[in-house]
């Protein structure tokens, strides 16, 4: 429910703020090998499950989400509005 709420908020803000030249987007991250996820990263069964579900067959690294954020914030992403950019190595399409 929370994820759906964020998606609805992004779209509503994109419509409301667009006329002022303000874009609103969000990033939906997949599983990243971070300190917060250490227990999962070090769990062989979970890691095997994750790697079998992600077409890239690996955990994402924290720096890999930066490119998505930079794109959305840069001039290159100036016409992207109301979008949820999924950064998950393809996991969502492999469901």
Protein backbone atom coordinates (compact mmCIF):
# COMPACT_ATOMS: atom_id res chain seq x y z
CA UNK A 1 0.00 0.00 0.00
CA UNK A 2 2.84 2.41 0.80
CA UNK A 3 4.47 1.84 -2.57
CA UNK A 4 1.18 2.56 -4.33
CA UNK A 5 0.81 5.73 -2.30
CA UNK A 6 4.25 6.96 -3.36
CA UNK A 7 3.44 6.20 -6.99
CA UNK A 8 0.17 8.14 -6.78
CA UNK A 9 1.92 11.05 -5.05
CA UNK A 10 4.64 11.24 -7.72
CA UNK A 11 2.06 11.31 -10.50
CA UNK A 12 -0.13 13.89 -8.75
CA UNK A 13 2.84 16.17 -8.05
CA UNK A 14 4.07 15.80 -11.64
CA UNK A 15 0.71 17.05 -12.92
CA UNK A 16 0.40 19.80 -10.32
CA UNK A 17 3.95 21.14 -10.54
CA UNK A 18 4.60 20.52 -14.24
CA UNK A 19 3.13 23.87 -15.35
CA UNK A 20 5.78 25.57 -13.18
CA UNK A 21 8.56 23.63 -14.90
CA UNK A 22 9.07 21.32 -11.94
CA UNK A 23 9.34 17.60 -12.55
CA UNK A 24 8.58 14.91 -10.00
CA UNK A 25 9.91 11.37 -10.31
CA UNK A 26 10.93 8.56 -8.00
CA UNK A 27 13.41 5.72 -7.94
CA UNK A 28 12.24 2.23 -6.97
CA UNK A 29 15.37 0.35 -5.91
CA UNK A 30 15.75 -3.39 -5.91
CA UNK A 31 18.06 -5.29 -3.58
CA UNK A 32 21.29 -3.43 -2.91
CA UNK A 33 24.30 -4.86 -1.10
CA UNK A 34 24.43 -2.28 1.68
CA UNK A 35 25.38 -2.38 5.32
CA UNK A 36 21.68 -2.45 6.18
CA UNK A 37 21.27 -5.67 4.14
CA UNK A 38 24.40 -7.44 5.42
CA UNK A 39 22.42 -10.31 6.95
CA UNK A 40 20.66 -10.96 3.63
CA UNK A 41 23.81 -10.56 1.54
CA UNK A 42 25.63 -13.06 3.75
CA UNK A 43 22.73 -15.54 3.71
CA UNK A 44 23.66 -18.08 1.00
CA UNK A 45 20.07 -19.25 0.46
CA UNK A 46 18.68 -15.74 0.10
CA UNK A 47 21.54 -14.66 -2.15
CA UNK A 48 21.03 -17.72 -4.36
CA UNK A 49 17.30 -16.97 -4.57
CA UNK A 50 17.95 -13.31 -5.41
CA UNK A 51 20.56 -14.11 -8.03
CA UNK A 52 18.20 -16.60 -9.67
CA UNK A 53 15.46 -13.91 -9.89
CA UNK A 54 17.60 -11.02 -11.16
CA UNK A 55 18.56 -11.36 -14.84
CA UNK A 56 21.93 -9.74 -14.07
CA UNK A 57 22.41 -12.53 -11.48
CA UNK A 58 23.95 -10.38 -8.78
CA UNK A 59 23.25 -7.89 -6.02
CA UNK A 60 23.19 -4.21 -6.95
CA UNK A 61 25.98 -2.04 -5.60
CA UNK A 62 25.08 1.23 -3.85
CA UNK A 63 26.88 3.37 -6.43
CA UNK A 64 24.69 1.91 -9.18
CA UNK A 65 21.64 3.85 -8.02
CA UNK A 66 23.54 7.13 -8.34
CA UNK A 67 23.35 7.11 -12.14
CA UNK A 68 19.56 6.98 -12.02
CA UNK A 69 19.41 9.87 -9.57
CA UNK A 70 21.88 11.95 -11.58
CA UNK A 71 19.92 11.31 -14.80
CA UNK A 72 16.63 12.40 -13.25
CA UNK A 73 18.24 15.51 -11.74
CA UNK A 74 20.25 16.47 -14.84
CA UNK A 75 19.24 18.29 -18.01
CA UNK A 76 19.16 14.92 -19.80
CA UNK A 77 16.14 13.97 -17.68
CA UNK A 78 14.40 17.34 -17.93
CA UNK A 79 11.44 15.95 -19.91
CA UNK A 80 10.93 12.92 -17.67
CA UNK A 81 7.99 13.64 -15.41
CA UNK A 82 5.74 11.45 -13.27
CA UNK A 83 7.93 8.38 -13.73
CA UNK A 84 8.95 5.67 -11.30
CA UNK A 85 12.41 4.53 -12.41
CA UNK A 86 12.99 0.95 -11.33
CA UNK A 87 16.64 0.13 -10.59
CA UNK A 88 16.54 -3.59 -9.85
CA UNK A 89 18.64 -5.37 -12.47
CA UNK A 90 15.46 -6.56 -14.19
CA UNK A 91 13.98 -8.39 -11.20
CA UNK A 92 10.50 -6.91 -11.66
CA UNK A 93 10.27 -8.14 -15.27
CA UNK A 94 11.41 -11.60 -14.27
CA UNK A 95 8.57 -12.17 -11.80
